[in-house]
Amino acid sequence: MHADAEKAAWVYIMANHRNGTLYSGSTVDLVRRTWEHREGFIPGFTRKYGCKMLVWFEVHPDLETALVREKRLKRWRRAWKLKLIEEMNPHWHDLWEDLSL
């Protein structure tokens, strides 16, 4: 993770299964936010479509930078997002398991 984690922010992608429905978001607390999605505490898209797997993330120096990246990702074609995920996580492993240790 980022050396200055208190100022860092993350952009992430959640999925309901491999090649399934994707959701992109940003946060200053990736562990908490992922847990909220997994437990269904966030009303809306991720709860409706069961996006509980953290399949991709990247760290940014601050929330403003992360928000810019998130907005760009939301405009990407699905194929580009799938490629991004598979470059980091080719087996679509749920990265939550690594974060929550």
Protein backbone atom coordinates (compact mmCIF):
# COMPACT_ATOMS: atom_id res chain seq x y z
CA MET A 1 0.00 0.00 0.00
CA HIS A 2 0.94 3.66 -0.10
CA ALA A 3 3.64 4.91 2.27
CA ASP A 4 1.50 7.82 3.49
CA ALA A 5 -1.72 5.85 3.98
CA GLU A 6 -3.46 8.62 5.95
CA LYS A 7 -3.61 10.87 2.88
CA ALA A 8 -3.92 8.11 0.30
CA ALA A 9 -7.09 7.24 -1.56
CA TRP A 10 -8.03 4.24 -3.63
CA VAL A 11 -9.97 3.58 -6.81
CA TYR A 12 -11.46 0.09 -6.89
CA ILE A 13 -13.65 -2.26 -8.88
CA MET A 14 -16.16 -4.65 -7.31
CA ALA A 15 -17.80 -7.52 -9.21
CA ASN A 16 -20.49 -10.09 -8.55
CA HIS A 17 -18.49 -12.86 -10.26
CA ARG A 18 -15.84 -13.33 -12.95
CA ASN A 19 -16.78 -11.29 -16.04
CA GLY A 20 -19.98 -10.27 -14.25
CA THR A 21 -21.42 -6.93 -13.26
CA LEU A 22 -18.78 -4.32 -12.40
CA TYR A 23 -18.87 -1.32 -10.08
CA SER A 24 -16.10 1.29 -9.80
CA GLY A 25 -15.67 3.55 -6.82
CA SER A 26 -13.16 5.54 -4.79
CA THR A 27 -12.50 5.84 -1.07
CA VAL A 28 -9.99 6.91 1.55
CA ASP A 29 -10.53 3.63 3.46
CA LEU A 30 -10.45 0.65 1.12
CA VAL A 31 -10.83 -1.98 3.86
CA ARG A 32 -13.90 -0.32 5.39
CA ARG A 33 -15.53 0.49 2.06
CA THR A 34 -15.03 -3.03 0.69
CA TRP A 35 -16.48 -4.48 3.89
CA GLU A 36 -19.52 -2.19 3.56
CA HIS A 37 -20.12 -3.42 0.00
CA ARG A 38 -19.66 -7.05 1.01
CA GLU A 39 -22.11 -6.75 3.91
CA GLY A 40 -24.70 -4.88 1.85
CA PHE A 41 -24.54 -1.71 3.97
CA ILE A 42 -24.29 0.53 0.90
CA PRO A 43 -27.72 0.92 -0.69
CA GLY A 44 -27.83 1.08 -4.45
CA PHE A 45 -25.99 -0.55 -7.31
CA THR A 46 -23.59 -2.90 -5.49
CA ARG A 47 -26.25 -4.26 -3.17
CA LYS A 48 -28.81 -4.62 -5.99
CA TYR A 49 -26.40 -6.57 -8.22
CA GLY A 50 -24.47 -8.43 -5.51
CA CYS A 51 -21.08 -6.86 -6.28
CA LYS A 52 -19.20 -8.22 -3.27
CA MET A 53 -15.83 -9.21 -4.76
CA LEU A 54 -12.99 -6.69 -4.76
CA VAL A 55 -11.26 -7.53 -8.04
CA TRP A 56 -9.04 -4.50 -8.70
CA PHE A 57 -7.70 -1.41 -6.94
CA GLU A 58 -5.00 1.21 -7.20
CA VAL A 59 -3.69 3.78 -4.74
CA HIS A 60 -3.54 7.54 -5.34
CA PRO A 61 -1.85 10.29 -3.33
CA ASP A 62 -5.17 11.96 -2.41
CA LEU A 63 -8.93 11.72 -2.85
CA GLU A 64 -9.07 14.40 -5.55
CA THR A 65 -6.74 12.39 -7.80
CA ALA A 66 -8.68 9.20 -7.07
CA LEU A 67 -11.99 10.85 -7.96
CA VAL A 68 -10.62 12.01 -11.31
CA ARG A 69 -9.45 8.44 -12.07
CA GLU A 70 -12.79 6.97 -10.93
CA LYS A 71 -14.73 9.29 -13.25
CA ARG A 72 -12.49 8.28 -16.17
CA LEU A 73 -12.94 4.58 -15.40
CA LYS A 74 -16.71 4.97 -15.31
CA ARG A 75 -16.56 6.20 -18.92
CA TRP A 76 -14.36 3.31 -20.09
CA ARG A 77 -15.70 0.54 -22.26
CA ARG A 78 -16.37 -2.71 -20.46
CA ALA A 79 -13.64 -4.52 -22.41
CA TRP A 80 -11.05 -2.01 -21.17
CA LYS A 81 -12.13 -2.56 -17.56
CA LEU A 82 -11.94 -6.34 -17.97
CA LYS A 83 -8.42 -6.01 -19.37
CA LEU A 84 -7.42 -3.76 -16.45
CA ILE A 85 -8.73 -6.30 -13.93
CA GLU A 86 -7.07 -9.25 -15.65
CA GLU A 87 -3.69 -7.50 -15.83
CA MET A 88 -3.66 -7.21 -12.02
CA ASN A 89 -5.84 -10.15 -11.09
CA PRO A 90 -5.98 -12.74 -13.92
CA HIS A 91 -7.88 -15.32 -11.87
CA TRP A 92 -10.39 -12.82 -10.46
CA HIS A 93 -9.34 -13.64 -6.92
CA ASP A 94 -11.35 -11.73 -4.31
CA LEU A 95 -8.70 -9.26 -3.11
CA TRP A 96 -10.69 -8.63 0.08
CA GLU A 97 -9.12 -11.77 1.48
CA ASP A 98 -5.67 -10.16 1.18
CA LEU A 99 -6.78 -6.82 2.65
CA SER A 100 -8.64 -8.23 5.62
CA LEU A 101 -5.71 -10.23 7.06
